[in-house]
Protein backbone atom coordinates (compact mmCIF):
# COMPACT_ATOMS: atom_id res chain seq x y z
CA MET A 1 145.32 267.82 45.23
CA THR A 2 147.84 270.38 46.50
CA ASN A 3 148.94 268.08 49.32
CA SER A 4 149.40 265.22 46.86
CA THR A 5 151.55 267.40 44.63
CA VAL A 6 153.70 268.53 47.57
CA LEU A 7 154.19 264.98 48.83
CA ASN A 8 155.14 263.67 45.41
CA SER A 9 157.58 266.50 44.82
CA GLN A 10 159.68 265.77 47.93
CA PRO A 11 163.33 265.26 46.90
CA THR A 12 164.64 261.74 47.14
CA SER A 13 168.20 260.92 48.12
CA LYS A 14 170.76 260.65 45.37
CA SER A 15 171.69 257.12 46.49
CA ALA A 16 168.05 256.03 46.13
CA GLN A 17 167.95 257.42 42.58
CA THR A 18 171.21 255.81 41.50
CA PRO A 19 170.83 252.14 40.52
CA LEU A 20 173.18 249.70 42.20
CA GLY A 21 175.82 248.60 39.69
CA TRP A 22 178.81 246.30 39.76
CA ARG A 23 181.29 249.13 40.28
CA ASP A 24 181.37 251.63 43.13
CA SER A 25 179.92 255.12 42.84
CA PRO A 26 180.30 258.27 44.96
CA HIS A 27 176.94 257.43 46.59
CA HIS A 28 177.26 253.72 47.39
CA PHE A 29 179.47 250.67 47.09
CA GLY A 30 178.75 248.40 44.13
CA ARG A 31 177.86 244.73 44.05
CA ILE A 32 181.46 243.47 43.91
CA SER A 33 182.60 245.58 46.88
CA ARG A 34 179.58 244.39 48.86
CA ALA A 35 180.16 240.75 47.97
CA LEU A 36 183.84 240.93 48.95
CA HIS A 37 182.96 242.73 52.19
CA TRP A 38 180.40 240.15 53.30
CA LEU A 39 182.56 237.23 52.15
CA THR A 40 185.40 238.57 54.32
CA ALA A 41 183.00 238.98 57.24
CA ALA A 42 181.73 235.39 56.88
CA LEU A 43 185.24 233.91 56.64
CA VAL A 44 186.60 235.84 59.63
CA LEU A 45 183.49 235.06 61.69
CA PHE A 46 183.82 231.34 60.97
CA GLN A 47 187.55 231.46 61.77
CA PHE A 48 186.78 232.88 65.21
CA ILE A 49 183.91 230.44 65.76
CA VAL A 50 186.27 227.50 65.18
CA VAL A 51 189.01 228.96 67.41
CA LEU A 52 186.63 229.84 70.24
CA ALA A 53 184.92 226.44 70.03
CA TRP A 54 188.28 224.69 70.44
CA ARG A 55 189.23 226.94 73.36
CA ALA A 56 185.88 226.37 75.10
CA MET A 57 185.32 222.66 74.44
CA GLY A 58 188.62 221.16 73.34
CA GLU A 59 188.63 218.25 70.93
CA ASN A 60 185.20 216.72 70.41
CA THR A 61 182.90 215.75 67.56
CA LEU A 62 181.70 219.33 67.00
CA THR A 63 185.13 220.99 66.96
CA ILE A 64 186.55 218.29 64.68
CA PHE A 65 183.60 218.81 62.33
CA LEU A 66 184.05 222.60 62.33
CA SER A 67 187.77 222.22 61.64
CA SER A 68 187.04 219.91 58.72
CA ILE A 69 184.86 222.63 57.17
CA GLY A 70 187.29 225.44 57.93
CA PRO A 71 190.87 224.32 58.64
CA HIS A 72 192.66 227.24 60.31
CA GLY A 73 195.45 227.54 57.76
CA SER A 74 193.16 227.12 54.75
CA LEU A 75 190.71 229.73 56.05
CA GLY A 76 193.59 232.09 56.76
CA PHE A 77 194.94 231.67 53.24
CA LEU A 78 191.45 232.28 51.82
CA ILE A 79 191.07 235.42 53.94
CA LEU A 80 194.43 236.63 52.60
CA LEU A 81 193.34 236.06 48.98
CA VAL A 82 189.98 237.80 49.48
CA THR A 83 191.65 240.75 51.24
CA LEU A 84 194.11 241.14 48.34
CA ALA A 85 191.16 241.05 45.94
CA ARG A 86 189.40 243.73 48.01
CA LEU A 87 192.47 245.95 47.96
CA GLY A 88 192.86 245.53 44.21
CA TRP A 89 189.20 246.32 43.61
CA ALA A 90 189.34 249.32 45.97
CA LEU A 91 192.36 250.72 44.10
CA SER A 92 190.66 250.26 40.74
CA ASN A 93 187.59 252.13 42.09
CA ARG A 94 189.44 254.70 44.20
CA LYS A 95 188.16 257.68 42.19
CA HIS A 96 184.53 256.54 42.36
CA ARG A 97 184.09 255.27 45.94
CA PRO A 98 182.04 257.09 48.59
CA LEU A 99 184.09 259.53 50.65
CA PRO A 100 184.42 259.02 54.43
CA PRO A 101 182.33 261.29 56.67
CA PRO A 102 183.83 264.75 57.22
CA GLY A 103 185.65 265.69 60.41
CA SER A 104 187.16 263.57 63.16
CA SER A 105 184.65 260.72 62.72
CA GLY A 106 185.82 260.28 59.13
CA GLN A 107 189.47 260.27 60.21
CA ILE A 108 188.78 257.65 62.89
CA ALA A 109 186.84 255.51 60.40
CA ARG A 110 189.75 255.72 57.96
CA ILE A 111 192.29 254.69 60.62
CA VAL A 112 190.11 251.77 61.74
CA HIS A 113 189.64 250.54 58.16
CA ILE A 114 193.38 250.77 57.42
CA THR A 115 194.10 248.85 60.64
CA LEU A 116 191.53 246.18 59.72
CA TYR A 117 193.06 245.74 56.28
CA GLY A 118 196.55 245.59 57.81
CA LEU A 119 195.52 242.87 60.26
CA LEU A 120 193.66 240.87 57.60
CA LEU A 121 196.89 240.85 55.59
CA TRP A 122 199.39 240.45 58.42
CA LEU A 123 197.76 237.63 60.36
CA PRO A 124 197.42 235.05 57.56
CA ALA A 125 200.63 236.10 55.79
CA PHE A 126 202.82 235.69 58.86
CA GLY A 127 200.92 232.56 59.88
CA LEU A 128 201.87 231.02 56.54
CA LEU A 129 205.45 232.25 56.98
CA ARG A 130 205.61 230.56 60.39
CA GLN A 131 204.29 227.32 58.90
CA TYR A 132 206.95 227.45 56.18
CA GLY A 133 209.71 228.35 58.64
CA ARG A 134 209.06 225.34 60.86
CA GLY A 135 208.92 222.97 57.88
CA GLY A 136 205.21 222.21 57.93
CA ALA A 137 203.41 221.45 54.70
CA LEU A 138 201.31 224.29 53.32
CA GLN A 139 197.92 222.93 52.31
CA PHE A 140 194.76 224.56 51.05
CA TYR A 141 191.78 222.26 51.63
CA GLY A 142 193.88 219.17 50.93
CA LEU A 143 195.76 220.67 47.98
CA GLU A 144 199.45 220.70 48.87
CA LEU A 145 200.96 224.06 48.00
CA LEU A 146 204.34 223.32 49.59
CA PRO A 147 205.57 219.92 50.84
CA GLU A 148 206.73 219.29 54.38
CA ALA A 149 210.46 219.78 54.89
CA GLU A 150 213.04 219.98 57.67
CA ARG A 151 213.37 223.65 58.51
CA ASN A 152 213.85 225.74 61.60
CA ILE A 153 214.07 229.34 60.41
CA THR A 154 213.65 231.41 63.56
CA TRP A 155 213.11 234.80 61.93
CA MET A 156 210.20 233.38 59.93
CA MET A 157 208.52 231.82 62.95
CA ALA A 158 209.15 234.53 65.56
CA PRO A 159 206.77 237.33 64.42
CA ALA A 160 203.70 235.09 64.21
CA GLY A 161 204.68 233.20 67.36
CA LEU A 162 204.90 236.46 69.28
CA LEU A 163 202.02 238.48 67.82
CA HIS A 164 199.52 236.16 66.09
CA SER A 165 197.32 235.62 69.14
CA PRO A 166 197.23 239.20 70.57
CA LEU A 167 196.68 240.72 67.12
CA SER A 168 193.87 238.24 66.47
CA TRP A 169 192.06 239.50 69.58
CA LEU A 170 192.72 243.08 68.48
CA LEU A 171 191.10 242.20 65.15
CA LEU A 172 188.08 240.74 66.95
CA GLY A 173 187.76 243.85 69.10
CA LEU A 174 187.92 246.16 66.07
CA ILE A 175 185.31 244.06 64.24
CA ILE A 176 182.92 244.22 67.20
CA SER A 177 183.46 248.00 67.44
CA HIS A 178 182.91 248.30 63.68
CA ILE A 179 179.58 246.46 63.94
CA VAL A 180 178.41 248.49 66.94
CA ILE A 181 179.25 251.82 65.26
CA ALA A 182 177.52 250.75 62.03
CA LEU A 183 174.38 249.84 64.00
CA VAL A 184 174.47 253.14 65.90
CA HIS A 185 174.68 255.04 62.61
CA ARG A 186 171.81 253.03 61.14
CA LEU A 187 169.44 252.76 64.11
CA TRP A 188 170.26 255.78 66.25
CA PHE A 189 171.48 258.55 63.93
CA ARG A 190 169.55 257.13 60.95
CA ASP A 191 172.11 258.59 58.57
CA PRO A 192 172.89 257.16 55.10
CA ILE A 193 176.46 256.04 55.89
CA SER A 194 175.70 252.37 56.56
CA ALA A 195 173.24 252.28 53.66
CA ARG A 196 176.13 252.84 51.23
CA LEU A 197 177.20 249.24 51.91
CA MET A 198 174.13 247.57 53.38
CA GLY A 199 171.45 248.68 50.95
């Protein structure tokens, strides 16, 4: 009887006691933050799958099919929109969100997240600017946002032409590192950091 009482009186974590809501809380990210996070992950993953498939196999039935599902420019524009939504939601929840871990690990995590957000904004934004500068039509899944025109605006095309590819690989490297660190925290250290977003 005593053992049963002791076992049942063990404290549970605050995050386990707090129900998951739509908004963020100091103990975990809410449903909207989680949905936007995983939507971003899915879009970026598919973007890299399409790019890597084209680099590995060239034009064939599979790569044409993948590109029809996720045209590069349309996916980039969608990633830009979702990232802006994430930033807006993060700002509206800034006083309620979980704090980063203390110490140097928290500072590194903060720098990595800021860099990820910067790249998710920069890459599609300057890709669209390059498309506009060279006169190409801007389309979003067949919907024409801007018609094709004769343009050759060097300053619009140059940044993406110079940096789009290397920064894309930097983004991929940061994402892989982000996944590895999250798994280490969850499986090795068994701390609650990853649970704030993953359940």
